[in-house]
């Protein structure tokens, strides 16, 4: 009798193993695993650090242009640095998962002070510093 019980147990385990293998190889299971990995995977920390460093450099450059009255074509430099800073802020907001107003810019259009302040405050509230 014990041989028969062991045989049935082995048969049951084999059936469960085949069913589990079939389930693990199914497309639905692969999609669920991919969704979990995407949900868990946050922004790349090296990309975040690179953006924070670049934002810090641009903020320092903006202060330099503002404070130094001897810079040639000061207004041009200030607008160029300000536009680069705004573009990096938009990239930082995208990485942090914030909503970004992303309209195609013309040469005479710039980000408003209110939008820039909103982006900076949102990033600061999420722990960003530069």
N, C-alpha and C. Protein backbone atom coordinates (compact mmCIF):
# COMPACT_ATOMS: atom_id res chain seq x y z
N UNK A 1 0.81 -1.19 0.00
CA UNK A 1 0.00 0.00 0.00
C UNK A 1 0.86 1.27 0.00
N UNK A 2 1.98 1.23 0.69
CA UNK A 2 2.82 2.41 0.75
C UNK A 2 3.44 2.70 -0.62
N UNK A 3 3.69 1.67 -1.42
CA UNK A 3 4.23 1.91 -2.76
C UNK A 3 3.21 2.62 -3.63
N UNK A 4 1.99 2.25 -3.47
CA UNK A 4 0.93 2.87 -4.25
C UNK A 4 0.77 4.35 -3.84
N UNK A 5 0.85 4.64 -2.56
CA UNK A 5 0.74 6.02 -2.07
C UNK A 5 1.92 6.85 -2.58
N UNK A 6 3.11 6.29 -2.56
CA UNK A 6 4.29 7.02 -3.04
C UNK A 6 4.18 7.27 -4.54
N UNK A 7 3.67 6.29 -5.27
CA UNK A 7 3.50 6.44 -6.72
C UNK A 7 2.50 7.55 -7.03
N UNK A 8 1.37 7.57 -6.32
CA UNK A 8 0.36 8.61 -6.54
C UNK A 8 0.89 9.98 -6.14
N UNK A 9 1.67 10.04 -5.06
CA UNK A 9 2.27 11.29 -4.63
C UNK A 9 3.25 11.81 -5.69
N UNK A 10 4.07 10.93 -6.22
CA UNK A 10 5.02 11.32 -7.25
C UNK A 10 4.29 11.79 -8.50
N UNK A 11 3.24 11.11 -8.88
CA UNK A 11 2.43 11.48 -10.03
C UNK A 11 1.80 12.86 -9.82
N UNK A 12 1.28 13.11 -8.63
CA UNK A 12 0.66 14.41 -8.30
C UNK A 12 1.69 15.53 -8.34
N UNK A 13 2.87 15.28 -7.78
CA UNK A 13 3.93 16.30 -7.80
C UNK A 13 4.38 16.61 -9.23
N UNK A 14 4.46 15.59 -10.05
CA UNK A 14 4.84 15.80 -11.45
C UNK A 14 3.78 16.63 -12.17
N UNK A 15 2.51 16.34 -11.91
CA UNK A 15 1.44 17.11 -12.55
C UNK A 15 1.47 18.57 -12.09
N UNK A 16 1.70 18.80 -10.80
CA UNK A 16 1.78 20.16 -10.28
C UNK A 16 2.99 20.88 -10.88
N UNK A 17 4.11 20.18 -11.00
CA UNK A 17 5.31 20.78 -11.59
C UNK A 17 5.10 21.18 -13.04
N UNK A 18 4.44 20.32 -13.81
CA UNK A 18 4.15 20.64 -15.21
C UNK A 18 3.19 21.82 -15.32
N UNK A 19 2.20 21.87 -14.44
CA UNK A 19 1.26 22.98 -14.46
C UNK A 19 1.96 24.30 -14.09
N UNK A 20 2.84 24.25 -13.09
CA UNK A 20 3.56 25.46 -12.69
C UNK A 20 4.49 25.92 -13.81
N UNK A 21 5.17 24.99 -14.44
CA UNK A 21 6.06 25.34 -15.54
C UNK A 21 5.29 25.98 -16.68
N UNK A 22 4.14 25.43 -16.98
CA UNK A 22 3.30 25.98 -18.05
C UNK A 22 2.84 27.39 -17.69
N UNK A 23 2.46 27.59 -16.44
CA UNK A 23 2.01 28.92 -16.00
C UNK A 23 3.15 29.93 -16.06
N UNK A 24 4.34 29.52 -15.64
CA UNK A 24 5.47 30.45 -15.62
C UNK A 24 5.94 30.83 -17.01
N UNK A 25 5.69 29.98 -17.98
CA UNK A 25 6.09 30.28 -19.35
C UNK A 25 5.00 30.99 -20.16
N UNK A 26 3.84 31.22 -19.56
CA UNK A 26 2.74 31.82 -20.30
C UNK A 26 3.00 33.30 -20.54
N UNK A 27 2.36 33.83 -21.55
CA UNK A 27 2.52 35.25 -21.90
C UNK A 27 1.95 36.15 -20.81
N UNK A 28 0.87 35.73 -20.20
CA UNK A 28 0.27 36.54 -19.13
C UNK A 28 1.21 36.70 -17.94
N UNK A 29 1.91 35.62 -17.59
CA UNK A 29 2.85 35.70 -16.47
C UNK A 29 4.02 36.60 -16.82
N UNK A 30 4.54 36.49 -18.04
CA UNK A 30 5.65 37.34 -18.45
C UNK A 30 5.26 38.82 -18.44
N UNK A 31 4.04 39.12 -18.89
CA UNK A 31 3.57 40.51 -18.87
C UNK A 31 3.43 41.03 -17.45
N UNK A 32 2.93 40.18 -16.54
CA UNK A 32 2.78 40.60 -15.15
C UNK A 32 4.14 40.87 -14.51
N UNK A 33 5.12 40.04 -14.80
CA UNK A 33 6.47 40.25 -14.26
C UNK A 33 7.06 41.53 -14.83
N UNK A 34 6.87 41.78 -16.11
CA UNK A 34 7.39 43.00 -16.74
C UNK A 34 6.73 44.24 -16.13
N UNK A 35 5.42 44.18 -15.87
CA UNK A 35 4.72 45.31 -15.23
C UNK A 35 5.28 45.58 -13.84
N UNK A 36 5.50 44.52 -13.07
CA UNK A 36 6.06 44.69 -11.72
C UNK A 36 7.45 45.30 -11.77
N UNK A 37 8.27 44.87 -12.71
CA UNK A 37 9.62 45.41 -12.82
C UNK A 37 9.60 46.88 -13.22
N UNK A 38 8.70 47.23 -14.16
CA UNK A 38 8.59 48.63 -14.56
C UNK A 38 8.11 49.50 -13.41
N UNK A 39 7.16 48.97 -12.64
CA UNK A 39 6.62 49.73 -11.52
C UNK A 39 7.68 49.95 -10.44
N UNK A 40 8.48 48.92 -10.19
CA UNK A 40 9.51 49.01 -9.16
C UNK A 40 10.68 49.87 -9.60
N UNK A 41 11.00 49.82 -10.86
CA UNK A 41 12.18 50.54 -11.35
C UNK A 41 11.88 52.04 -11.37
N UNK A 42 12.56 52.77 -10.53
CA UNK A 42 12.42 54.21 -10.50
C UNK A 42 13.40 54.83 -11.49
N UNK A 43 13.57 56.13 -11.37
CA UNK A 43 14.53 56.78 -12.27
C UNK A 43 15.95 56.33 -11.97
N UNK A 44 16.77 56.34 -12.99
CA UNK A 44 18.16 55.94 -12.84
C UNK A 44 18.87 56.94 -11.92
N UNK A 45 19.47 56.48 -10.81
CA UNK A 45 20.10 57.42 -9.88
C UNK A 45 21.27 58.17 -10.49
N UNK A 46 21.97 57.57 -11.44
CA UNK A 46 23.09 58.28 -12.08
C UNK A 46 22.59 59.38 -12.99
N UNK A 47 21.48 59.13 -13.66
CA UNK A 47 20.89 60.17 -14.50
C UNK A 47 20.39 61.32 -13.62
N UNK A 48 19.77 60.98 -12.50
CA UNK A 48 19.29 62.00 -11.57
C UNK A 48 20.45 62.83 -11.05
N UNK A 49 21.53 62.18 -10.67
CA UNK A 49 22.70 62.90 -10.17
C UNK A 49 23.30 63.80 -11.24
N UNK A 50 23.38 63.30 -12.46
CA UNK A 50 23.94 64.11 -13.55
C UNK A 50 23.09 65.35 -13.80
N UNK A 51 21.77 65.21 -13.74
CA UNK A 51 20.88 66.36 -13.94
C UNK A 51 21.05 67.34 -12.79
N UNK A 52 21.16 66.84 -11.56
CA UNK A 52 21.33 67.74 -10.42
C UNK A 52 22.65 68.50 -10.51
N UNK A 53 23.71 67.82 -10.92
CA UNK A 53 25.01 68.48 -11.07
C UNK A 53 24.93 69.55 -12.14
N UNK A 54 24.31 69.21 -13.26
CA UNK A 54 24.20 70.19 -14.36
C UNK A 54 23.34 71.38 -13.96
N UNK A 55 22.25 71.13 -13.20
CA UNK A 55 21.43 72.23 -12.72
C UNK A 55 22.24 73.15 -11.81
N UNK A 56 23.07 72.56 -10.95
CA UNK A 56 23.92 73.36 -10.07
C UNK A 56 24.91 74.21 -10.86
N UNK A 57 25.50 73.62 -11.90
CA UNK A 57 26.45 74.37 -12.73
C UNK A 57 25.76 75.52 -13.46
N UNK A 58 24.57 75.26 -13.97
CA UNK A 58 23.84 76.31 -14.67
C UNK A 58 23.39 77.42 -13.71
N UNK A 59 22.98 77.05 -12.51
CA UNK A 59 22.59 78.06 -11.52
C UNK A 59 23.79 78.93 -11.14
N UNK A 60 24.97 78.30 -10.99
CA UNK A 60 26.19 79.05 -10.69
C UNK A 60 26.54 79.98 -11.85
N UNK A 61 26.43 79.49 -13.06
CA UNK A 61 26.72 80.31 -14.25
C UNK A 61 25.74 81.48 -14.35
N UNK A 62 24.49 81.22 -14.02
CA UNK A 62 23.48 82.29 -14.05
C UNK A 62 23.81 83.37 -13.02
N UNK A 63 24.24 82.96 -11.82
CA UNK A 63 24.65 83.94 -10.81
C UNK A 63 25.88 84.72 -11.26
N UNK A 64 26.83 84.04 -11.92
CA UNK A 64 28.03 84.70 -12.41
C UNK A 64 27.69 85.76 -13.45
N UNK A 65 26.81 85.41 -14.38
CA UNK A 65 26.42 86.37 -15.42
C UNK A 65 25.66 87.54 -14.80
N UNK A 66 24.85 87.27 -13.81
CA UNK A 66 24.08 88.33 -13.17
C UNK A 66 24.97 89.26 -12.36
N UNK A 67 25.96 88.70 -11.67
CA UNK A 67 26.79 89.50 -10.76
C UNK A 67 27.94 90.22 -11.43
N UNK A 68 28.42 89.76 -12.57
CA UNK A 68 29.59 90.34 -13.21
C UNK A 68 29.16 91.36 -14.28
N UNK A 69 29.31 92.66 -14.02
CA UNK A 69 28.88 93.66 -14.99
C UNK A 69 29.82 93.79 -16.19
N UNK A 70 30.99 93.16 -16.14
CA UNK A 70 31.95 93.30 -17.23
C UNK A 70 31.83 92.26 -18.32
N UNK A 71 30.83 91.41 -18.27
CA UNK A 71 30.67 90.36 -19.28
C UNK A 71 30.16 90.99 -20.58
N UNK A 72 30.85 90.65 -21.66
CA UNK A 72 30.45 91.12 -22.98
C UNK A 72 29.16 90.41 -23.39
N UNK A 73 28.23 91.12 -23.97
CA UNK A 73 26.93 90.58 -24.41
C UNK A 73 26.21 89.90 -23.24
N UNK A 74 26.13 90.62 -22.16
CA UNK A 74 25.60 90.08 -20.90
C UNK A 74 24.16 89.58 -21.05
N UNK A 75 23.31 90.35 -21.70
CA UNK A 75 21.91 89.94 -21.87
C UNK A 75 21.80 88.65 -22.69
N UNK A 76 22.61 88.55 -23.73
CA UNK A 76 22.60 87.35 -24.55
C UNK A 76 23.03 86.14 -23.72
N UNK A 77 24.10 86.27 -22.97
CA UNK A 77 24.56 85.17 -22.11
C UNK A 77 23.51 84.80 -21.07
N UNK A 78 22.90 85.82 -20.48
CA UNK A 78 21.89 85.55 -19.46
C UNK A 78 20.72 84.77 -20.04
N UNK A 79 20.23 85.18 -21.21
CA UNK A 79 19.11 84.46 -21.84
C UNK A 79 19.51 83.04 -22.23
N UNK A 80 20.73 82.87 -22.73
CA UNK A 80 21.18 81.53 -23.12
C UNK A 80 21.27 80.61 -21.90
N UNK A 81 21.85 81.10 -20.82
CA UNK A 81 21.98 80.28 -19.61
C UNK A 81 20.61 80.02 -19.00
N UNK A 82 19.75 81.03 -18.99
CA UNK A 82 18.40 80.87 -18.43
C UNK A 82 17.61 79.83 -19.21
N UNK A 83 17.72 79.85 -20.53
CA UNK A 83 17.02 78.86 -21.35
C UNK A 83 17.56 77.45 -21.12
N UNK A 84 18.89 77.34 -20.99
CA UNK A 84 19.47 76.02 -20.71
C UNK A 84 19.03 75.53 -19.33
N UNK A 85 18.97 76.42 -18.35
CA UNK A 85 18.51 76.06 -17.00
C UNK A 85 17.05 75.59 -17.05
N UNK A 86 16.21 76.30 -17.80
CA UNK A 86 14.81 75.90 -17.91
C UNK A 86 14.66 74.54 -18.58
N UNK A 87 15.48 74.28 -19.59
CA UNK A 87 15.43 72.97 -20.27
C UNK A 87 15.85 71.86 -19.31
N UNK A 88 16.88 72.11 -18.49
CA UNK A 88 17.31 71.10 -17.51
C UNK A 88 16.25 70.91 -16.43
N UNK A 89 15.57 71.97 -16.05
CA UNK A 89 14.46 71.84 -15.09
C UNK A 89 13.36 70.96 -15.65
N UNK A 90 13.04 71.14 -16.94
CA UNK A 90 12.02 70.29 -17.56
C UNK A 90 12.47 68.84 -17.59
N UNK A 91 13.75 68.59 -17.89
CA UNK A 91 14.26 67.21 -17.87
C UNK A 91 14.18 66.63 -16.46
N UNK A 92 14.52 67.44 -15.46
CA UNK A 92 14.46 66.97 -14.08
C UNK A 92 13.02 66.64 -13.68
N UNK A 93 12.08 67.46 -14.13
CA UNK A 93 10.68 67.20 -13.83
C UNK A 93 10.21 65.90 -14.48
N UNK A 94 10.65 65.65 -15.70
CA UNK A 94 10.28 64.40 -16.37
C UNK A 94 10.83 63.20 -15.60
N UNK A 95 12.08 63.29 -15.17
CA UNK A 95 12.70 62.18 -14.43
C UNK A 95 11.98 61.97 -13.10
N UNK A 96 11.56 63.06 -12.46
CA UNK A 96 10.87 62.96 -11.16
C UNK A 96 9.40 62.59 -11.31
N UNK A 97 8.90 62.55 -12.54
CA UNK A 97 7.52 62.16 -12.77
C UNK A 97 6.53 63.30 -12.61
N UNK A 98 6.99 64.52 -12.77
CA UNK A 98 6.11 65.69 -12.66
C UNK A 98 5.55 66.07 -14.03
N UNK A 99 4.40 66.72 -14.01
CA UNK A 99 3.81 67.22 -15.24
C UNK A 99 4.62 68.41 -15.74
N UNK A 100 4.91 68.42 -17.03
CA UNK A 100 5.74 69.47 -17.62
C UNK A 100 4.98 70.11 -18.76
N UNK A 101 4.99 71.42 -18.80
CA UNK A 101 4.44 72.15 -19.94
C UNK A 101 5.52 72.16 -21.01
N UNK A 102 5.31 71.37 -22.04
CA UNK A 102 6.35 71.19 -23.05
C UNK A 102 5.83 71.67 -24.41
N UNK A 103 5.95 72.95 -24.63
CA UNK A 103 5.51 73.52 -25.91
C UNK A 103 6.74 73.81 -26.76
N UNK A 104 6.61 73.77 -28.06
CA UNK A 104 7.77 74.12 -28.90
C UNK A 104 8.10 75.60 -28.73
N UNK A 105 9.34 75.89 -28.39
CA UNK A 105 9.75 77.25 -28.12
C UNK A 105 10.28 77.91 -29.39
N UNK A 106 10.03 79.21 -29.47
CA UNK A 106 10.64 80.03 -30.51
C UNK A 106 11.77 80.80 -29.86
N UNK A 107 12.56 81.50 -30.64
CA UNK A 107 13.71 82.21 -30.12
C UNK A 107 13.31 83.33 -29.16
N UNK A 108 12.12 83.90 -29.35
CA UNK A 108 11.72 85.01 -28.48
C UNK A 108 10.83 84.56 -27.32
N UNK A 109 10.60 83.26 -27.15
CA UNK A 109 9.78 82.75 -26.05
C UNK A 109 10.66 82.18 -24.96
N UNK A 110 10.25 82.42 -23.72
CA UNK A 110 10.99 81.91 -22.57
C UNK A 110 10.00 81.40 -21.54
N UNK A 111 10.49 80.54 -20.66
CA UNK A 111 9.64 80.04 -19.59
C UNK A 111 9.33 81.17 -18.62
N UNK A 112 8.09 81.22 -18.16
CA UNK A 112 7.69 82.26 -17.23
C UNK A 112 8.26 82.01 -15.83
N UNK A 113 8.36 83.07 -15.06
CA UNK A 113 8.87 82.97 -13.69
C UNK A 113 8.00 82.04 -12.84
N UNK A 114 6.68 82.11 -13.04
CA UNK A 114 5.77 81.28 -12.24
C UNK A 114 6.01 79.80 -12.49
N UNK A 115 6.14 79.44 -13.78
CA UNK A 115 6.37 78.04 -14.13
C UNK A 115 7.71 77.56 -13.62
N UNK A 116 8.75 78.37 -13.73
CA UNK A 116 10.07 78.02 -13.24
C UNK A 116 10.04 77.81 -11.72
N UNK A 117 9.37 78.71 -11.01
CA UNK A 117 9.28 78.60 -9.56
C UNK A 117 8.49 77.35 -9.17
N UNK A 118 7.40 77.06 -9.89
CA UNK A 118 6.62 75.85 -9.61
C UNK A 118 7.47 74.60 -9.77
N UNK A 119 8.22 74.53 -10.86
CA UNK A 119 9.07 73.36 -11.11
C UNK A 119 10.14 73.23 -10.02
N UNK A 120 10.78 74.34 -9.66
CA UNK A 120 11.81 74.28 -8.62
C UNK A 120 11.24 73.84 -7.28
N UNK A 121 10.06 74.37 -6.93
CA UNK A 121 9.44 73.99 -5.66
C UNK A 121 9.00 72.52 -5.65
N UNK A 122 8.46 72.06 -6.76
CA UNK A 122 8.04 70.65 -6.85
C UNK A 122 9.24 69.72 -6.71
N UNK A 123 10.34 70.07 -7.39
CA UNK A 123 11.54 69.24 -7.29
C UNK A 123 12.12 69.28 -5.88
N UNK A 124 12.12 70.46 -5.27
CA UNK A 124 12.64 70.57 -3.90
C UNK A 124 11.79 69.76 -2.93
N UNK A 125 10.48 69.76 -3.14
CA UNK A 125 9.59 68.99 -2.28
C UNK A 125 9.84 67.48 -2.42
N UNK A 126 10.36 67.05 -3.56
CA UNK A 126 10.68 65.64 -3.76
C UNK A 126 12.10 65.28 -3.39
N UNK A 127 12.81 66.22 -2.76
CA UNK A 127 14.14 65.93 -2.25
C UNK A 127 15.29 66.29 -3.18
N UNK A 128 15.01 66.94 -4.28
CA UNK A 128 16.07 67.34 -5.21
C UNK A 128 16.79 68.57 -4.64
N UNK A 129 18.07 68.63 -4.86
CA UNK A 129 18.85 69.82 -4.48
C UNK A 129 19.93 70.03 -5.53
N UNK A 130 20.26 71.29 -5.75
CA UNK A 130 21.31 71.62 -6.72
C UNK A 130 21.97 72.91 -6.35
